[in-house]
């Protein structure tokens, strides 16, 4: 691993640590085996950060895109965490220096949608590496960002209420069609099932591909 990648990963870990502390979580960076639940102690080298609040445990791993591919330990860690209702796995993929979004994403690099473009890249990396559930969560986050960008561009008011209301407003105004409205509703339900630890049976890749098409249309509309 290059020194630059190590620096980027460390910066990301520090930002995540600060974020979770502000949310009232107790944070432990690079926990030792004895500081982890017994079922996770063997994964200590793969865990960069844990955040605990009440009964909730968030386990975070920060990886570069290249190091993620073929990493079976991270996948095993994700599966171990999914077996516990109040545990959540967060996989953060950092972009390597010089990486740009592929032309096939359809995103216009001259538009102010860098967060969306970065999120698309992370989603694609997760999907390529076989992390279907984390890829879906990432894809949904990108979709929300793209829908809010669309709302801002079209002067559609929105606040901190659930995104479902924003989707309804955009559909009512004809800014998203009936097919995409149904897709977004189903994808949101699936995303909620995943993040709350429920077993989900779906064609993740197909849904993610469809969500990224919605993103492309939203930011390029």
Protein backbone atom coordinates (compact mmCIF):
# COMPACT_ATOMS: atom_id res chain seq x y z
CA UNK A 1 0.00 0.00 0.00
CA UNK A 2 1.38 3.42 -0.96
CA UNK A 3 2.01 6.11 1.64
CA UNK A 4 -0.57 8.32 -0.10
CA UNK A 5 -3.30 5.70 0.23
CA UNK A 6 -2.42 5.17 3.90
CA UNK A 7 -2.76 8.92 4.44
CA UNK A 8 -6.16 9.02 2.72
CA UNK A 9 -7.41 6.08 4.74
CA UNK A 10 -6.19 7.65 7.99
CA UNK A 11 -7.90 10.94 7.13
CA UNK A 12 -11.13 9.09 6.46
CA UNK A 13 -10.87 7.22 9.77
CA UNK A 14 -10.34 10.49 11.64
CA UNK A 15 -13.32 12.12 9.92
CA UNK A 16 -15.56 9.14 10.70
CA UNK A 17 -14.38 9.11 14.29
CA UNK A 18 -15.24 12.79 14.72
CA UNK A 19 -18.61 12.30 13.02
CA UNK A 20 -19.70 9.46 15.29
CA UNK A 21 -18.48 11.21 18.45
CA UNK A 22 -20.62 14.22 17.52
CA UNK A 23 -23.57 11.83 17.20
CA UNK A 24 -23.04 10.65 20.78
CA UNK A 25 -21.27 7.37 20.05
CA UNK A 26 -18.37 5.97 22.04
CA UNK A 27 -15.61 5.50 19.46
CA UNK A 28 -12.67 3.09 19.50
CA UNK A 29 -10.13 3.38 16.68
CA UNK A 30 -8.39 0.15 15.63
CA UNK A 31 -9.70 -1.88 18.59
CA UNK A 32 -7.73 -4.78 19.99
CA UNK A 33 -9.25 -8.31 19.98
CA UNK A 34 -10.16 -8.11 23.69
CA UNK A 35 -12.07 -4.86 23.03
CA UNK A 36 -14.38 -6.56 20.53
CA UNK A 37 -17.32 -8.94 20.97
CA UNK A 38 -16.03 -12.54 20.96
CA UNK A 39 -17.51 -13.27 17.53
CA UNK A 40 -15.55 -10.37 16.03
CA UNK A 41 -12.23 -10.71 17.86
CA UNK A 42 -10.61 -12.65 15.03
CA UNK A 43 -11.35 -9.75 12.67
CA UNK A 44 -9.48 -7.13 14.68
CA UNK A 45 -6.92 -6.45 11.94
CA UNK A 46 -9.72 -5.75 9.46
CA UNK A 47 -11.63 -3.34 11.72
CA UNK A 48 -10.56 0.29 11.64
CA UNK A 49 -13.19 1.72 13.92
CA UNK A 50 -16.11 0.76 16.12
CA UNK A 51 -18.80 3.13 17.36
CA UNK A 52 -21.17 2.19 20.18
CA UNK A 53 -24.34 3.87 21.41
CA UNK A 54 -26.81 2.05 23.65
CA UNK A 55 -27.32 -1.38 22.05
CA UNK A 56 -26.09 -0.30 18.61
CA UNK A 57 -22.66 -1.31 17.35
CA UNK A 58 -21.25 0.15 14.13
CA UNK A 59 -18.19 -1.60 12.70
CA UNK A 60 -16.25 0.39 10.11
CA UNK A 61 -13.58 -0.66 7.65
CA UNK A 62 -11.80 1.81 5.35
CA UNK A 63 -10.27 0.41 2.16
CA UNK A 64 -8.96 1.57 -1.18
CA UNK A 65 -10.74 0.25 -4.24
CA UNK A 66 -7.82 -1.91 -5.35
CA UNK A 67 -7.24 -3.45 -1.92
CA UNK A 68 -10.95 -4.28 -1.65
CA UNK A 69 -11.03 -6.55 -4.70
CA UNK A 70 -10.61 -10.18 -3.68
CA UNK A 71 -10.54 -9.38 0.06
CA UNK A 72 -12.46 -12.32 1.51
CA UNK A 73 -11.88 -11.25 5.13
CA UNK A 74 -13.96 -8.10 4.77
CA UNK A 75 -16.79 -10.11 3.23
CA UNK A 76 -16.63 -12.62 6.10
CA UNK A 77 -16.68 -9.73 8.58
CA UNK A 78 -19.78 -8.26 6.93
CA UNK A 79 -21.55 -11.61 7.11
CA UNK A 80 -20.67 -12.02 10.81
CA UNK A 81 -22.09 -8.59 11.58
CA UNK A 82 -25.32 -9.21 9.67
CA UNK A 83 -26.13 -12.07 12.04
CA UNK A 84 -26.71 -9.57 14.87
CA UNK A 85 -29.79 -7.37 14.79
CA UNK A 86 -28.24 -4.30 16.45
CA UNK A 87 -24.92 -4.41 14.62
CA UNK A 88 -24.18 -2.53 11.42
CA UNK A 89 -21.26 -2.77 9.02
CA UNK A 90 -20.02 0.33 7.21
CA UNK A 91 -17.48 -0.16 4.43
CA UNK A 92 -15.88 3.08 3.23
CA UNK A 93 -13.97 3.04 -0.05
CA UNK A 94 -11.43 5.83 -0.60
CA UNK A 95 -10.52 6.89 -4.11
CA UNK A 96 -6.90 6.57 -5.10
CA UNK A 97 -4.99 9.66 -6.32
CA UNK A 98 -5.82 10.51 -9.90
CA UNK A 99 -8.95 8.35 -10.07
CA UNK A 100 -11.77 9.83 -12.10
CA UNK A 101 -15.29 8.68 -12.72
CA UNK A 102 -15.60 6.49 -15.82
CA UNK A 103 -17.20 8.08 -18.89
CA UNK A 104 -19.80 5.30 -18.81
CA UNK A 105 -21.43 6.80 -15.71
CA UNK A 106 -22.89 9.57 -17.86
CA UNK A 107 -22.07 12.23 -15.28
CA UNK A 108 -21.03 15.65 -16.53
CA UNK A 109 -17.74 16.49 -14.81
CA UNK A 110 -18.35 20.21 -15.37
CA UNK A 111 -21.39 20.14 -13.09
CA UNK A 112 -21.16 20.56 -9.29
CA UNK A 113 -21.97 16.89 -8.54
CA UNK A 114 -18.64 15.65 -7.20
CA UNK A 115 -20.26 13.91 -4.23
CA UNK A 116 -22.58 12.06 -6.56
CA UNK A 117 -19.73 11.09 -8.89
CA UNK A 118 -17.61 9.86 -5.98
CA UNK A 119 -20.55 7.87 -4.63
CA UNK A 120 -21.15 6.21 -7.99
CA UNK A 121 -17.50 5.16 -8.06
CA UNK A 122 -17.71 3.70 -4.55
CA UNK A 123 -20.92 1.83 -5.38
CA UNK A 124 -19.38 0.30 -8.49
CA UNK A 125 -16.28 -0.75 -6.53
CA UNK A 126 -18.39 -2.46 -3.86
CA UNK A 127 -20.48 -4.23 -6.47
CA UNK A 128 -17.41 -5.41 -8.40
CA UNK A 129 -15.91 -6.80 -5.19
CA UNK A 130 -19.06 -8.79 -4.45
CA UNK A 131 -20.39 -6.67 -1.55
CA UNK A 132 -23.97 -6.53 -2.81
CA UNK A 133 -25.70 -5.28 0.36
CA UNK A 134 -23.17 -2.49 1.13
CA UNK A 135 -23.29 -1.54 -2.57
CA UNK A 136 -27.06 -1.14 -2.33
CA UNK A 137 -26.74 1.12 0.73
CA UNK A 138 -24.12 3.18 -1.10
CA UNK A 139 -26.28 3.34 -4.24
CA UNK A 140 -29.24 4.60 -2.22
CA UNK A 141 -27.12 7.34 -0.61
CA UNK A 142 -26.00 8.44 -4.07
CA UNK A 143 -29.60 8.37 -5.28
CA UNK A 144 -30.75 10.62 -2.43
CA UNK A 145 -27.95 13.08 -3.20
CA UNK A 146 -28.89 13.13 -6.89
CA UNK A 147 -32.59 13.64 -6.13
CA UNK A 148 -31.78 16.56 -3.83
CA UNK A 149 -29.59 18.07 -6.53
CA UNK A 150 -32.50 17.72 -8.96
CA UNK A 151 -34.83 19.37 -6.44
CA UNK A 152 -32.45 22.29 -5.93
CA UNK A 153 -32.02 22.78 -9.66
CA UNK A 154 -35.80 22.76 -10.22
CA UNK A 155 -36.52 24.95 -7.16
CA UNK A 156 -38.45 22.20 -5.40
CA UNK A 157 -38.48 22.86 -1.66
CA UNK A 158 -37.41 20.08 0.69
CA UNK A 159 -36.33 19.81 4.31
CA UNK A 160 -35.03 17.14 6.69
CA UNK A 161 -38.15 15.01 6.44
CA UNK A 162 -37.82 11.45 5.12
CA UNK A 163 -36.72 11.24 1.51
CA UNK A 164 -39.97 9.45 0.63
CA UNK A 165 -41.74 12.81 0.74
CA UNK A 166 -39.21 14.36 -1.64
CA UNK A 167 -39.73 11.45 -4.05
CA UNK A 168 -43.51 12.00 -3.94
CA UNK A 169 -43.07 15.71 -4.63
CA UNK A 170 -40.76 15.09 -7.59
CA UNK A 171 -43.19 12.55 -9.02
CA UNK A 172 -46.15 14.89 -8.55
CA UNK A 173 -44.28 17.59 -10.51
CA UNK A 174 -43.42 15.16 -13.27
CA UNK A 175 -39.68 15.30 -12.60
CA UNK A 176 -39.53 11.53 -12.16
CA UNK A 177 -41.81 9.15 -14.03
CA UNK A 178 -44.12 6.46 -12.68
CA UNK A 179 -41.65 3.66 -13.40
CA UNK A 180 -38.84 5.35 -11.47
CA UNK A 181 -41.23 6.26 -8.66
CA UNK A 182 -42.09 2.58 -8.20
CA UNK A 183 -38.41 1.59 -8.43
CA UNK A 184 -37.41 4.13 -5.79
CA UNK A 185 -40.13 2.95 -3.42
CA UNK A 186 -39.09 -0.68 -3.73
CA UNK A 187 -35.38 0.16 -3.46
CA UNK A 188 -35.98 2.21 -0.31
CA UNK A 189 -37.80 -0.70 1.34
CA UNK A 190 -34.95 -3.04 0.41
CA UNK A 191 -32.34 -0.59 1.68
CA UNK A 192 -34.18 -0.27 5.00
CA UNK A 193 -34.31 -4.05 5.37
CA UNK A 194 -30.57 -4.29 4.79
CA UNK A 195 -29.51 -1.55 7.21
CA UNK A 196 -31.79 -2.90 9.95
CA UNK A 197 -30.34 -6.38 9.67
CA UNK A 198 -33.28 -8.19 8.09
CA UNK A 199 -32.69 -10.90 5.53
CA UNK A 200 -33.36 -9.59 2.02
CA UNK A 201 -33.83 -11.64 -1.13
CA UNK A 202 -33.48 -9.60 -4.30
CA UNK A 203 -31.43 -9.13 -7.44
CA UNK A 204 -29.16 -6.50 -5.90
CA UNK A 205 -27.13 -5.88 -9.04
CA UNK A 206 -30.20 -5.25 -11.17
CA UNK A 207 -31.68 -2.82 -8.63
CA UNK A 208 -28.37 -1.00 -8.19
CA UNK A 209 -27.93 -0.66 -11.96
CA UNK A 210 -31.46 0.78 -12.19
CA UNK A 211 -30.78 3.22 -9.34
CA UNK A 212 -27.61 4.46 -11.04
CA UNK A 213 -29.64 5.11 -14.18
CA UNK A 214 -32.00 7.24 -12.08
CA UNK A 215 -28.94 9.07 -10.72
CA UNK A 216 -27.65 9.68 -14.24
CA UNK A 217 -31.00 11.08 -15.32
CA UNK A 218 -31.34 13.25 -12.19
CA UNK A 219 -27.95 14.93 -12.41
CA UNK A 220 -28.07 15.30 -16.17
CA UNK A 221 -31.70 16.34 -16.47
